[in-house]
N, C-alpha and C. Protein backbone atom coordinates (compact mmCIF):
# COMPACT_ATOMS: atom_id res chain seq x y z
N MET A 1 -105.75 69.17 -106.32
CA MET A 1 -104.64 69.71 -107.12
C MET A 1 -103.34 69.01 -106.72
N PRO A 2 -102.48 68.68 -107.70
CA PRO A 2 -101.20 68.07 -107.35
C PRO A 2 -100.31 69.05 -106.61
N LYS A 3 -99.44 68.51 -105.74
CA LYS A 3 -98.55 69.37 -104.97
C LYS A 3 -97.56 70.10 -105.86
N ASN A 4 -97.12 69.46 -106.95
CA ASN A 4 -96.19 70.08 -107.87
C ASN A 4 -96.79 70.05 -109.28
N PRO A 5 -97.72 70.98 -109.57
CA PRO A 5 -98.38 70.97 -110.87
C PRO A 5 -97.38 71.24 -111.99
N PRO A 6 -97.60 70.68 -113.18
CA PRO A 6 -96.69 70.91 -114.29
C PRO A 6 -96.71 72.37 -114.73
N ARG A 7 -95.62 72.83 -115.29
CA ARG A 7 -95.54 74.20 -115.78
C ARG A 7 -96.53 74.38 -116.92
N SER A 8 -97.23 75.53 -116.91
CA SER A 8 -98.25 75.77 -117.93
C SER A 8 -97.65 76.18 -119.26
N ARG A 9 -96.47 76.77 -119.24
CA ARG A 9 -95.81 77.21 -120.47
C ARG A 9 -94.32 76.85 -120.39
N VAL A 10 -93.75 76.41 -121.50
CA VAL A 10 -92.33 76.10 -121.55
C VAL A 10 -91.75 76.69 -122.83
N SER A 11 -90.44 76.77 -122.88
CA SER A 11 -89.74 77.31 -124.06
C SER A 11 -89.86 76.36 -125.24
N PHE A 12 -89.79 76.92 -126.44
CA PHE A 12 -89.51 76.10 -127.60
C PHE A 12 -88.05 75.67 -127.51
N ASP A 13 -87.76 74.39 -127.78
CA ASP A 13 -86.36 73.97 -127.80
C ASP A 13 -85.78 74.21 -129.19
N ALA A 14 -84.51 73.87 -129.39
CA ALA A 14 -83.83 74.16 -130.65
C ALA A 14 -84.49 73.45 -131.82
N ASP A 15 -84.97 72.22 -131.61
CA ASP A 15 -85.65 71.49 -132.68
C ASP A 15 -86.96 72.18 -133.06
N ASP A 16 -87.69 72.67 -132.06
CA ASP A 16 -88.93 73.40 -132.34
C ASP A 16 -88.65 74.65 -133.17
N ILE A 17 -87.64 75.42 -132.74
CA ILE A 17 -87.29 76.66 -133.44
C ILE A 17 -86.92 76.36 -134.89
N GLN A 18 -86.15 75.30 -135.08
CA GLN A 18 -85.77 74.93 -136.44
C GLN A 18 -86.99 74.54 -137.27
N ARG A 19 -87.90 73.79 -136.65
CA ARG A 19 -89.09 73.35 -137.36
C ARG A 19 -89.99 74.53 -137.72
N ILE A 20 -90.15 75.46 -136.79
CA ILE A 20 -91.00 76.62 -137.04
C ILE A 20 -90.44 77.46 -138.19
N PHE A 21 -89.17 77.83 -138.08
CA PHE A 21 -88.62 78.82 -139.02
C PHE A 21 -88.08 78.20 -140.30
N ASN A 22 -88.16 76.89 -140.42
CA ASN A 22 -87.89 76.23 -141.70
C ASN A 22 -89.16 76.08 -142.53
N HIS A 23 -90.29 76.49 -141.97
CA HIS A 23 -91.55 76.44 -142.72
C HIS A 23 -91.50 77.46 -143.86
N PRO A 24 -92.15 77.18 -145.00
CA PRO A 24 -92.14 78.11 -146.14
C PRO A 24 -92.64 79.52 -145.82
N ILE A 25 -93.45 79.67 -144.77
CA ILE A 25 -93.86 81.03 -144.37
C ILE A 25 -92.63 81.90 -144.16
N PHE A 26 -91.56 81.30 -143.63
CA PHE A 26 -90.36 82.06 -143.29
C PHE A 26 -89.25 81.90 -144.33
N THR A 27 -89.06 80.70 -144.87
CA THR A 27 -87.97 80.49 -145.82
C THR A 27 -88.27 81.09 -147.19
N ALA A 28 -89.54 81.03 -147.61
CA ALA A 28 -89.92 81.55 -148.92
C ALA A 28 -90.90 82.72 -148.80
N ARG A 29 -91.20 83.11 -147.57
CA ARG A 29 -92.16 84.19 -147.31
C ARG A 29 -93.47 83.91 -148.04
N THR A 30 -93.89 82.66 -147.97
CA THR A 30 -95.13 82.24 -148.60
C THR A 30 -96.33 82.85 -147.87
N ALA A 31 -97.23 83.46 -148.59
CA ALA A 31 -98.42 84.05 -147.99
C ALA A 31 -99.33 82.97 -147.43
N VAL A 32 -100.00 83.28 -146.33
CA VAL A 32 -100.94 82.36 -145.71
C VAL A 32 -102.35 82.75 -146.13
N ALA A 33 -103.06 81.82 -146.73
CA ALA A 33 -104.40 82.12 -147.24
C ALA A 33 -105.41 82.36 -146.12
N ASP A 34 -105.23 81.71 -145.01
CA ASP A 34 -106.17 81.81 -143.89
C ASP A 34 -106.15 83.24 -143.34
N HIS A 35 -107.26 83.95 -143.39
CA HIS A 35 -107.31 85.34 -142.95
C HIS A 35 -107.02 85.48 -141.46
N ARG A 36 -107.20 84.41 -140.70
CA ARG A 36 -106.94 84.47 -139.26
C ARG A 36 -105.46 84.66 -138.94
N ALA A 37 -104.60 84.37 -139.92
CA ALA A 37 -103.15 84.52 -139.72
C ALA A 37 -102.70 85.96 -139.81
N GLY A 38 -103.57 86.85 -140.27
CA GLY A 38 -103.23 88.27 -140.27
C GLY A 38 -102.27 88.71 -141.34
N GLY A 39 -102.24 88.02 -142.48
CA GLY A 39 -101.37 88.45 -143.58
C GLY A 39 -99.90 88.41 -143.19
N ILE A 40 -99.23 89.55 -143.33
CA ILE A 40 -97.80 89.65 -143.05
C ILE A 40 -97.50 89.37 -141.58
N ALA A 41 -98.50 89.43 -140.73
CA ALA A 41 -98.31 89.15 -139.30
C ALA A 41 -97.79 87.73 -139.09
N ALA A 42 -98.21 86.79 -139.93
CA ALA A 42 -97.78 85.40 -139.77
C ALA A 42 -96.27 85.27 -139.92
N PHE A 43 -95.66 86.17 -140.68
CA PHE A 43 -94.20 86.17 -140.84
C PHE A 43 -93.51 86.91 -139.70
N TRP A 44 -93.95 88.13 -139.40
CA TRP A 44 -93.19 88.97 -138.49
C TRP A 44 -93.48 88.75 -137.01
N LEU A 45 -94.70 88.41 -136.64
CA LEU A 45 -95.00 88.26 -135.21
C LEU A 45 -94.11 87.20 -134.54
N PRO A 46 -93.97 85.99 -135.10
CA PRO A 46 -93.09 85.01 -134.45
C PRO A 46 -91.63 85.45 -134.42
N LEU A 47 -91.17 86.09 -135.49
CA LEU A 47 -89.77 86.52 -135.53
C LEU A 47 -89.48 87.58 -134.47
N ILE A 48 -90.35 88.58 -134.37
CA ILE A 48 -90.13 89.64 -133.39
C ILE A 48 -90.20 89.08 -131.98
N ALA A 49 -91.16 88.18 -131.73
CA ALA A 49 -91.27 87.57 -130.40
C ALA A 49 -90.02 86.78 -130.06
N CYS A 50 -89.52 86.03 -131.03
CA CYS A 50 -88.35 85.18 -130.80
C CYS A 50 -87.12 86.01 -130.43
N PHE A 51 -86.98 87.19 -131.04
CA PHE A 51 -85.77 87.99 -130.85
C PHE A 51 -85.97 89.24 -130.00
N SER A 52 -87.08 89.30 -129.27
CA SER A 52 -87.28 90.42 -128.35
C SER A 52 -87.85 89.99 -127.01
N GLY A 53 -88.51 88.82 -126.97
CA GLY A 53 -89.17 88.39 -125.74
C GLY A 53 -90.44 89.13 -125.45
N ALA A 54 -90.91 89.95 -126.40
CA ALA A 54 -92.13 90.72 -126.18
C ALA A 54 -93.36 89.82 -126.24
N ARG A 55 -94.40 90.24 -125.55
CA ARG A 55 -95.66 89.51 -125.55
C ARG A 55 -96.39 89.71 -126.87
N LEU A 56 -97.27 88.77 -127.21
CA LEU A 56 -97.95 88.79 -128.50
C LEU A 56 -98.73 90.09 -128.71
N GLU A 57 -99.55 90.48 -127.74
CA GLU A 57 -100.36 91.68 -127.91
C GLU A 57 -99.49 92.93 -127.99
N GLU A 58 -98.37 92.95 -127.27
CA GLU A 58 -97.45 94.08 -127.34
C GLU A 58 -96.92 94.27 -128.75
N ILE A 59 -96.62 93.18 -129.42
CA ILE A 59 -96.10 93.26 -130.79
C ILE A 59 -97.21 93.61 -131.76
N GLY A 60 -98.37 92.97 -131.57
CA GLY A 60 -99.48 93.17 -132.50
C GLY A 60 -99.95 94.61 -132.59
N GLN A 61 -99.78 95.39 -131.52
CA GLN A 61 -100.27 96.77 -131.53
C GLN A 61 -99.22 97.79 -131.96
N LEU A 62 -98.05 97.32 -132.40
CA LEU A 62 -97.00 98.24 -132.83
C LEU A 62 -97.41 99.02 -134.09
N LYS A 63 -96.94 100.26 -134.14
CA LYS A 63 -97.15 101.13 -135.30
C LYS A 63 -95.79 101.59 -135.84
N GLN A 64 -95.82 102.13 -137.03
CA GLN A 64 -94.57 102.59 -137.62
C GLN A 64 -93.84 103.57 -136.69
N GLY A 65 -94.61 104.49 -136.09
CA GLY A 65 -94.01 105.51 -135.24
C GLY A 65 -93.39 104.99 -133.96
N ASP A 66 -93.63 103.73 -133.62
CA ASP A 66 -93.03 103.14 -132.43
C ASP A 66 -91.57 102.77 -132.66
N PHE A 67 -91.13 102.78 -133.91
CA PHE A 67 -89.74 102.46 -134.23
C PHE A 67 -88.93 103.74 -134.30
N LYS A 68 -87.83 103.75 -133.56
CA LYS A 68 -87.02 104.96 -133.40
C LYS A 68 -85.56 104.65 -133.71
N LYS A 69 -84.81 105.74 -133.90
CA LYS A 69 -83.37 105.62 -134.05
C LYS A 69 -82.73 106.52 -133.00
N GLY A 70 -81.85 105.95 -132.18
CA GLY A 70 -81.24 106.69 -131.09
C GLY A 70 -80.25 107.73 -131.56
N ALA A 71 -79.93 108.65 -130.66
CA ALA A 71 -78.93 109.67 -130.94
C ALA A 71 -77.53 109.09 -130.72
N GLY A 72 -76.51 109.89 -131.00
CA GLY A 72 -75.13 109.45 -130.78
C GLY A 72 -74.53 108.79 -132.01
N LEU A 73 -73.32 108.28 -131.83
CA LEU A 73 -72.58 107.73 -132.96
C LEU A 73 -73.22 106.48 -133.52
N ARG A 74 -73.73 105.60 -132.65
CA ARG A 74 -74.23 104.31 -133.12
C ARG A 74 -75.63 104.39 -133.71
N LYS A 75 -76.42 105.39 -133.29
CA LYS A 75 -77.79 105.55 -133.79
C LYS A 75 -78.55 104.20 -133.75
N ILE A 76 -78.67 103.68 -132.55
CA ILE A 76 -79.26 102.35 -132.34
C ILE A 76 -80.74 102.35 -132.71
N ASP A 77 -81.15 101.34 -133.45
CA ASP A 77 -82.57 101.16 -133.80
C ASP A 77 -83.28 100.44 -132.66
N TYR A 78 -84.44 100.96 -132.28
CA TYR A 78 -85.20 100.33 -131.20
C TYR A 78 -86.69 100.59 -131.43
N PHE A 79 -87.53 99.85 -130.70
CA PHE A 79 -88.96 100.14 -130.75
C PHE A 79 -89.49 100.31 -129.34
N VAL A 80 -90.58 101.05 -129.25
CA VAL A 80 -91.17 101.44 -127.98
C VAL A 80 -92.43 100.62 -127.74
N ILE A 81 -92.52 100.03 -126.56
CA ILE A 81 -93.74 99.36 -126.11
C ILE A 81 -94.29 100.17 -124.94
N ASP A 82 -95.49 100.71 -125.09
CA ASP A 82 -96.08 101.48 -123.99
C ASP A 82 -97.60 101.42 -124.10
N ASN A 83 -98.27 102.13 -123.19
CA ASN A 83 -99.73 102.11 -123.18
C ASN A 83 -100.31 103.41 -123.69
N ALA A 84 -99.55 104.10 -124.57
CA ALA A 84 -100.03 105.35 -125.16
C ALA A 84 -101.02 105.06 -126.29
N GLU A 85 -101.88 106.02 -126.56
CA GLU A 85 -102.80 105.99 -127.71
C GLU A 85 -103.65 104.72 -127.75
N GLY A 86 -104.15 104.33 -126.60
CA GLY A 86 -105.06 103.20 -126.57
C GLY A 86 -104.39 101.85 -126.51
N ASN A 87 -103.06 101.79 -126.53
CA ASN A 87 -102.36 100.52 -126.39
C ASN A 87 -102.53 99.99 -124.97
N SER A 88 -102.24 98.72 -124.80
CA SER A 88 -102.30 98.14 -123.46
C SER A 88 -101.01 97.41 -123.16
N THR A 89 -100.55 97.55 -121.93
CA THR A 89 -99.40 96.79 -121.45
C THR A 89 -99.77 96.15 -120.13
N LYS A 90 -99.07 95.09 -119.79
CA LYS A 90 -99.46 94.29 -118.63
C LYS A 90 -99.21 95.01 -117.32
N THR A 91 -98.04 95.65 -117.18
CA THR A 91 -97.65 96.33 -115.94
C THR A 91 -96.89 97.60 -116.30
N VAL A 92 -96.56 98.38 -115.27
CA VAL A 92 -95.77 99.60 -115.49
C VAL A 92 -94.41 99.25 -116.09
N THR A 93 -93.79 98.17 -115.63
CA THR A 93 -92.47 97.79 -116.14
C THR A 93 -92.54 97.26 -117.57
N SER A 94 -93.76 97.01 -118.06
CA SER A 94 -93.90 96.57 -119.45
C SER A 94 -93.66 97.71 -120.43
N ASN A 95 -93.74 98.95 -119.96
CA ASN A 95 -93.46 100.10 -120.81
C ASN A 95 -91.94 100.22 -120.94
N ARG A 96 -91.45 100.08 -122.17
CA ARG A 96 -90.00 99.98 -122.32
C ARG A 96 -89.57 100.26 -123.76
N GLU A 97 -88.25 100.34 -123.94
CA GLU A 97 -87.64 100.54 -125.25
C GLU A 97 -86.75 99.35 -125.54
N VAL A 98 -87.00 98.68 -126.68
CA VAL A 98 -86.36 97.41 -127.00
C VAL A 98 -85.46 97.56 -128.22
N PRO A 99 -84.16 97.34 -128.09
CA PRO A 99 -83.29 97.40 -129.28
C PRO A 99 -83.65 96.32 -130.28
N VAL A 100 -83.58 96.66 -131.56
CA VAL A 100 -83.91 95.70 -132.61
C VAL A 100 -82.74 94.74 -132.80
N HIS A 101 -83.00 93.46 -132.68
CA HIS A 101 -81.96 92.45 -132.83
C HIS A 101 -81.42 92.48 -134.27
N PRO A 102 -80.10 92.28 -134.45
CA PRO A 102 -79.52 92.33 -135.80
C PRO A 102 -80.11 91.32 -136.78
N VAL A 103 -80.60 90.19 -136.30
CA VAL A 103 -81.24 89.23 -137.21
C VAL A 103 -82.50 89.82 -137.81
N LEU A 104 -83.28 90.55 -137.02
CA LEU A 104 -84.49 91.19 -137.54
C LEU A 104 -84.14 92.25 -138.57
N ILE A 105 -83.05 92.97 -138.34
CA ILE A 105 -82.61 93.97 -139.32
C ILE A 105 -82.19 93.28 -140.61
N ARG A 106 -81.43 92.20 -140.48
CA ARG A 106 -80.98 91.46 -141.67
C ARG A 106 -82.14 90.90 -142.46
N LEU A 107 -83.19 90.48 -141.78
CA LEU A 107 -84.35 89.91 -142.47
C LEU A 107 -85.28 90.97 -143.05
N GLY A 108 -84.99 92.24 -142.77
CA GLY A 108 -85.73 93.32 -143.44
C GLY A 108 -86.82 93.98 -142.64
N LEU A 109 -86.83 93.84 -141.31
CA LEU A 109 -87.89 94.45 -140.51
C LEU A 109 -87.92 95.96 -140.68
N LEU A 110 -86.77 96.61 -140.61
CA LEU A 110 -86.76 98.07 -140.70
C LEU A 110 -87.16 98.54 -142.09
N ASP A 111 -86.82 97.78 -143.11
CA ASP A 111 -87.27 98.12 -144.46
C ASP A 111 -88.79 98.04 -144.55
N TYR A 112 -89.35 97.00 -143.94
CA TYR A 112 -90.81 96.86 -143.95
C TYR A 112 -91.46 98.01 -143.19
N VAL A 113 -90.92 98.34 -142.01
CA VAL A 113 -91.47 99.45 -141.23
C VAL A 113 -91.41 100.74 -142.04
N GLY A 114 -90.29 100.96 -142.72
CA GLY A 114 -90.13 102.17 -143.52
C GLY A 114 -91.07 102.25 -144.71
N SER A 115 -91.60 101.12 -145.14
CA SER A 115 -92.51 101.11 -146.29
C SER A 115 -93.95 101.48 -145.92
N LEU A 116 -94.25 101.55 -144.63
CA LEU A 116 -95.61 101.85 -144.19
C LEU A 116 -95.93 103.33 -144.42
N PRO A 117 -97.20 103.67 -144.58
CA PRO A 117 -97.56 105.02 -145.04
C PRO A 117 -97.38 106.15 -144.05
N GLY A 118 -97.20 105.89 -142.78
CA GLY A 118 -97.04 106.98 -141.83
C GLY A 118 -96.92 106.48 -140.41
N PRO A 119 -96.61 107.36 -139.46
CA PRO A 119 -96.32 106.95 -138.08
C PRO A 119 -97.48 106.27 -137.37
N HIS A 120 -98.70 106.53 -137.81
CA HIS A 120 -99.86 105.91 -137.15
C HIS A 120 -100.28 104.61 -137.83
N ALA A 121 -99.55 104.22 -138.87
CA ALA A 121 -99.90 103.00 -139.60
C ALA A 121 -99.54 101.77 -138.77
N SER A 122 -100.48 100.85 -138.65
CA SER A 122 -100.24 99.60 -137.94
C SER A 122 -99.27 98.73 -138.71
N LEU A 123 -98.39 98.03 -137.97
CA LEU A 123 -97.50 97.08 -138.63
C LEU A 123 -98.29 95.93 -139.22
N PHE A 124 -99.41 95.61 -138.61
CA PHE A 124 -100.17 94.43 -139.02
C PHE A 124 -101.64 94.79 -139.21
N PRO A 125 -101.95 95.48 -140.29
CA PRO A 125 -103.32 95.97 -140.50
C PRO A 125 -104.34 94.86 -140.73
N ASP A 126 -103.89 93.64 -141.05
CA ASP A 126 -104.81 92.55 -141.34
C ASP A 126 -105.14 91.69 -140.13
N LEU A 127 -104.63 92.06 -138.97
CA LEU A 127 -105.02 91.32 -137.76
C LEU A 127 -106.50 91.53 -137.48
N LYS A 128 -107.19 90.46 -137.15
CA LYS A 128 -108.62 90.53 -136.86
C LYS A 128 -108.84 90.46 -135.35
N PRO A 129 -109.33 91.54 -134.74
CA PRO A 129 -109.54 91.53 -133.28
C PRO A 129 -110.51 90.42 -132.87
N ALA A 130 -110.28 89.89 -131.69
CA ALA A 130 -111.16 88.88 -131.13
C ALA A 130 -112.44 89.53 -130.61
N LYS A 131 -113.33 88.72 -130.09
CA LYS A 131 -114.66 89.17 -129.68
C LYS A 131 -114.60 90.32 -128.68
N TYR A 132 -113.65 90.26 -127.74
CA TYR A 132 -113.59 91.28 -126.69
C TYR A 132 -112.51 92.33 -126.96
N GLY A 133 -112.11 92.46 -128.21
CA GLY A 133 -111.22 93.55 -128.60
C GLY A 133 -109.74 93.23 -128.59
N ASN A 134 -109.36 92.05 -128.10
CA ASN A 134 -107.95 91.67 -128.11
C ASN A 134 -107.47 91.58 -129.56
N LEU A 135 -106.45 92.36 -129.90
CA LEU A 135 -106.03 92.48 -131.30
C LEU A 135 -105.44 91.19 -131.85
N THR A 136 -104.83 90.39 -131.00
CA THR A 136 -104.12 89.20 -131.48
C THR A 136 -104.77 87.89 -131.05
N GLY A 137 -105.97 87.95 -130.49
CA GLY A 137 -106.62 86.74 -130.02
C GLY A 137 -106.90 85.74 -131.13
N VAL A 138 -107.38 86.21 -132.28
CA VAL A 138 -107.66 85.32 -133.41
C VAL A 138 -106.35 84.73 -133.94
N PHE A 139 -105.33 85.58 -134.05
CA PHE A 139 -104.03 85.09 -134.52
C PHE A 139 -103.50 84.00 -133.58
N SER A 140 -103.64 84.20 -132.27
CA SER A 140 -103.13 83.24 -131.30
C SER A 140 -103.73 81.86 -131.52
N LYS A 141 -105.03 81.83 -131.79
CA LYS A 141 -105.69 80.54 -132.05
C LYS A 141 -105.18 79.92 -133.34
N TRP A 142 -104.99 80.76 -134.37
CA TRP A 142 -104.45 80.25 -135.63
C TRP A 142 -103.05 79.67 -135.40
N PHE A 143 -102.22 80.37 -134.63
CA PHE A 143 -100.85 79.92 -134.41
C PHE A 143 -100.83 78.60 -133.65
N GLY A 144 -101.74 78.44 -132.71
CA GLY A 144 -101.82 77.17 -131.99
C GLY A 144 -102.11 76.00 -132.92
N ARG A 145 -103.04 76.20 -133.85
CA ARG A 145 -103.33 75.15 -134.83
C ARG A 145 -102.15 74.92 -135.76
N PHE A 146 -101.47 75.99 -136.11
CA PHE A 146 -100.27 75.90 -136.96
C PHE A 146 -99.22 75.02 -136.30
N LEU A 147 -99.01 75.21 -135.00
CA LEU A 147 -98.03 74.39 -134.27
C LEU A 147 -98.43 72.93 -134.27
N ARG A 148 -99.69 72.65 -133.91
CA ARG A 148 -100.13 71.27 -133.73
C ARG A 148 -100.29 70.52 -135.07
N ILE A 149 -100.96 71.17 -136.03
CA ILE A 149 -101.34 70.48 -137.26
C ILE A 149 -100.25 70.57 -138.33
N GLU A 150 -99.75 71.79 -138.58
CA GLU A 150 -98.76 71.97 -139.66
C GLU A 150 -97.37 71.47 -139.25
N LEU A 151 -96.99 71.72 -138.01
CA LEU A 151 -95.63 71.44 -137.58
C LEU A 151 -95.50 70.19 -136.72
N GLY A 152 -96.58 69.69 -136.19
CA GLY A 152 -96.52 68.49 -135.36
C GLY A 152 -95.94 68.70 -133.99
N ILE A 153 -95.94 69.95 -133.49
CA ILE A 153 -95.48 70.24 -132.13
C ILE A 153 -96.70 70.06 -131.22
N LYS A 154 -96.80 68.93 -130.57
CA LYS A 154 -98.01 68.53 -129.87
C LYS A 154 -98.07 68.93 -128.41
N ASP A 155 -96.94 69.26 -127.81
CA ASP A 155 -96.91 69.62 -126.39
C ASP A 155 -97.76 70.87 -126.17
N LYS A 156 -98.86 70.73 -125.44
CA LYS A 156 -99.78 71.84 -125.26
C LYS A 156 -99.22 72.96 -124.39
N ARG A 157 -98.09 72.71 -123.74
CA ARG A 157 -97.43 73.77 -122.98
C ARG A 157 -96.67 74.72 -123.90
N LYS A 158 -96.52 74.32 -125.15
CA LYS A 158 -95.80 75.14 -126.12
C LYS A 158 -96.81 75.91 -126.97
N VAL A 159 -96.81 77.21 -126.77
CA VAL A 159 -97.74 78.12 -127.42
C VAL A 159 -96.94 79.34 -127.87
N PHE A 160 -97.61 80.36 -128.39
CA PHE A 160 -96.87 81.55 -128.84
C PHE A 160 -96.02 82.13 -127.71
N HIS A 161 -96.54 82.11 -126.49
CA HIS A 161 -95.81 82.67 -125.35
C HIS A 161 -94.50 81.93 -125.09
N SER A 162 -94.33 80.76 -125.69
CA SER A 162 -93.08 80.02 -125.54
C SER A 162 -91.89 80.76 -126.14
N PHE A 163 -92.16 81.66 -127.09
CA PHE A 163 -91.07 82.50 -127.61
C PHE A 163 -90.50 83.37 -126.50
N ARG A 164 -91.38 83.89 -125.65
CA ARG A 164 -90.92 84.73 -124.54
C ARG A 164 -90.09 83.92 -123.55
N HIS A 165 -90.53 82.71 -123.25
CA HIS A 165 -89.75 81.83 -122.39
C HIS A 165 -88.41 81.49 -123.05
N GLY A 166 -88.45 81.23 -124.35
CA GLY A 166 -87.23 80.88 -125.06
C GLY A 166 -86.23 82.01 -125.13
N PHE A 167 -86.72 83.23 -125.23
CA PHE A 167 -85.84 84.40 -125.21
C PHE A 167 -85.05 84.41 -123.90
N ALA A 168 -85.75 84.19 -122.79
CA ALA A 168 -85.09 84.16 -121.48
C ALA A 168 -84.11 82.99 -121.38
N THR A 169 -84.51 81.83 -121.89
CA THR A 169 -83.64 80.65 -121.83
C THR A 169 -82.36 80.88 -122.61
N ASN A 170 -82.47 81.38 -123.83
CA ASN A 170 -81.28 81.62 -124.66
C ASN A 170 -80.41 82.73 -124.08
N TRP A 171 -81.04 83.70 -123.45
CA TRP A 171 -80.29 84.78 -122.79
C TRP A 171 -79.38 84.18 -121.71
N LYS A 172 -79.93 83.24 -120.95
CA LYS A 172 -79.14 82.58 -119.90
C LYS A 172 -78.04 81.71 -120.49
N VAL A 173 -78.37 80.99 -121.57
CA VAL A 173 -77.37 80.14 -122.22
C VAL A 173 -76.19 80.98 -122.71
N CYS A 174 -76.48 82.18 -123.21
CA CYS A 174 -75.42 83.07 -123.69
C CYS A 174 -74.71 83.80 -122.55
N GLU A 175 -75.14 83.54 -121.31
CA GLU A 175 -74.53 84.11 -120.11
C GLU A 175 -74.53 85.64 -120.13
N LEU A 176 -75.66 86.21 -120.51
CA LEU A 176 -75.82 87.66 -120.55
C LEU A 176 -76.43 88.14 -119.24
N PRO A 177 -76.20 89.40 -118.88
CA PRO A 177 -76.67 89.90 -117.58
C PRO A 177 -78.19 89.85 -117.44
N GLU A 178 -78.64 89.25 -116.36
CA GLU A 178 -80.07 89.06 -116.15
C GLU A 178 -80.81 90.38 -116.00
N HIS A 179 -80.20 91.36 -115.32
CA HIS A 179 -80.90 92.62 -115.10
C HIS A 179 -81.15 93.35 -116.42
N VAL A 180 -80.29 93.13 -117.42
CA VAL A 180 -80.50 93.76 -118.72
C VAL A 180 -81.70 93.13 -119.42
N ARG A 181 -81.82 91.81 -119.31
CA ARG A 181 -82.98 91.14 -119.91
C ARG A 181 -84.27 91.63 -119.28
N PHE A 182 -84.27 91.82 -117.97
CA PHE A 182 -85.48 92.28 -117.30
C PHE A 182 -85.95 93.62 -117.89
N VAL A 183 -85.01 94.49 -118.21
CA VAL A 183 -85.36 95.78 -118.79
C VAL A 183 -85.88 95.60 -120.22
N ILE A 184 -85.27 94.68 -120.97
CA ILE A 184 -85.66 94.47 -122.37
C ILE A 184 -87.01 93.78 -122.49
N ASP A 185 -87.26 92.76 -121.68
CA ASP A 185 -88.52 92.03 -121.86
C ASP A 185 -89.62 92.45 -120.89
N GLY A 186 -89.34 93.50 -120.09
CA GLY A 186 -90.41 94.12 -119.32
C GLY A 186 -90.77 93.44 -118.01
N HIS A 187 -89.80 92.76 -117.40
CA HIS A 187 -90.02 92.19 -116.07
C HIS A 187 -89.59 93.20 -115.00
N ALA A 188 -90.22 93.11 -113.86
CA ALA A 188 -89.82 93.95 -112.74
C ALA A 188 -88.45 93.49 -112.23
N LEU A 189 -87.57 94.43 -111.93
CA LEU A 189 -86.26 94.08 -111.39
C LEU A 189 -86.44 93.44 -110.01
N PRO A 190 -85.63 92.43 -109.68
CA PRO A 190 -85.91 91.60 -108.51
C PRO A 190 -85.59 92.23 -107.15
N THR A 191 -84.72 93.23 -107.13
CA THR A 191 -84.34 93.83 -105.84
C THR A 191 -84.39 95.35 -105.93
N VAL A 192 -84.44 95.98 -104.79
CA VAL A 192 -84.44 97.45 -104.74
C VAL A 192 -83.13 97.98 -105.32
N GLY A 193 -82.02 97.34 -104.96
CA GLY A 193 -80.72 97.78 -105.44
C GLY A 193 -80.60 97.73 -106.95
N ALA A 194 -81.22 96.72 -107.56
CA ALA A 194 -81.15 96.57 -109.01
C ALA A 194 -81.87 97.69 -109.74
N LYS A 195 -82.78 98.39 -109.03
CA LYS A 195 -83.55 99.46 -109.65
C LYS A 195 -82.79 100.79 -109.69
N TYR A 196 -81.67 100.88 -108.99
CA TYR A 196 -80.87 102.11 -109.01
C TYR A 196 -80.06 102.18 -110.29
N GLY A 197 -79.93 103.38 -110.82
CA GLY A 197 -79.17 103.57 -112.05
C GLY A 197 -80.03 103.21 -113.26
N GLU A 198 -79.50 103.49 -114.44
CA GLU A 198 -80.22 103.26 -115.68
C GLU A 198 -79.47 102.27 -116.56
N THR A 199 -80.19 101.36 -117.17
CA THR A 199 -79.59 100.44 -118.13
C THR A 199 -79.65 101.10 -119.50
N LEU A 200 -78.55 101.68 -119.93
CA LEU A 200 -78.52 102.49 -121.15
C LEU A 200 -78.87 101.65 -122.37
N MET A 201 -79.40 102.32 -123.39
CA MET A 201 -79.73 101.65 -124.63
C MET A 201 -78.49 101.01 -125.26
N SER A 202 -77.35 101.64 -125.10
CA SER A 202 -76.12 101.07 -125.65
C SER A 202 -75.79 99.73 -125.00
N VAL A 203 -76.07 99.60 -123.70
CA VAL A 203 -75.84 98.34 -122.99
C VAL A 203 -76.84 97.29 -123.46
N ARG A 204 -78.09 97.69 -123.58
CA ARG A 204 -79.12 96.75 -124.06
C ARG A 204 -78.78 96.24 -125.46
N SER A 205 -78.38 97.17 -126.33
CA SER A 205 -78.06 96.79 -127.70
C SER A 205 -76.84 95.89 -127.76
N HIS A 206 -75.83 96.19 -126.94
CA HIS A 206 -74.61 95.37 -126.91
C HIS A 206 -74.95 93.93 -126.53
N CYS A 207 -75.81 93.76 -125.53
CA CYS A 207 -76.21 92.41 -125.13
C CYS A 207 -77.05 91.74 -126.21
N MET A 208 -77.94 92.52 -126.83
CA MET A 208 -78.80 91.95 -127.87
C MET A 208 -77.96 91.42 -129.03
N TYR A 209 -76.89 92.09 -129.36
CA TYR A 209 -76.02 91.63 -130.45
C TYR A 209 -75.32 90.32 -130.10
N LYS A 210 -75.20 90.04 -128.82
CA LYS A 210 -74.56 88.79 -128.39
C LYS A 210 -75.54 87.63 -128.25
N LEU A 211 -76.85 87.95 -128.31
CA LEU A 211 -77.87 86.92 -128.11
C LEU A 211 -77.99 86.04 -129.35
N VAL A 212 -77.86 84.73 -129.15
CA VAL A 212 -78.04 83.74 -130.20
C VAL A 212 -79.23 82.86 -129.83
N ILE A 213 -80.15 82.67 -130.75
CA ILE A 213 -81.28 81.78 -130.54
C ILE A 213 -80.93 80.40 -131.08
N GLU A 214 -80.77 79.46 -130.20
CA GLU A 214 -80.32 78.11 -130.59
C GLU A 214 -81.34 77.47 -131.54
N GLY A 215 -80.83 76.96 -132.64
CA GLY A 215 -81.67 76.27 -133.62
C GLY A 215 -82.21 77.16 -134.72
N PHE A 216 -82.03 78.47 -134.61
CA PHE A 216 -82.61 79.38 -135.60
C PHE A 216 -81.91 79.18 -136.94
N PRO A 217 -82.66 78.87 -138.01
CA PRO A 217 -82.03 78.45 -139.26
C PRO A 217 -81.85 79.52 -140.32
N LEU A 218 -82.44 80.70 -140.13
CA LEU A 218 -82.44 81.70 -141.22
C LEU A 218 -81.22 82.61 -141.17
């Protein structure tokens, strides 16, 4: 093994983001004929990942009832990621509440969520589970081919998880507080002191409104 092995995953850069979201799937909301893309999932999964830093399986298992509106004057829109009702999360800190980024609201995510038939309705009913039950495994393979063949993004370190890396990268570029990102994207806080006190939803939402994804064209 090399002493300094290459990183297994890297962020999408601004050119990649532009190339991905300039595709007709996103600009014209063109339906994808390939059933492995999961219907409407091909549109929303990359967008939600890009603007939340959530993992693919975390997003794929979302239901209408996971979207909430906070109390108080601002009534902040957010969604819940947890391991309730058969869901799976990677760690205890992965259970969290994520404010909805304003770009997702502008693109109609909340309207789509509101159109679903009830709180137990899956956001992505056309996702086809993989052999061992992973809800997004088939989609992940489709997305990899989409990157390489349709978009010409050949770097094998760039995969769907690169949205999560990119979320962190853009958060740093915007000079937003790191401890707030840890709460939003489900990382363990780095020190004991950082775990004291609560990062309020209003603080998370305020930072999310300041987050800009470099290269995003929509």
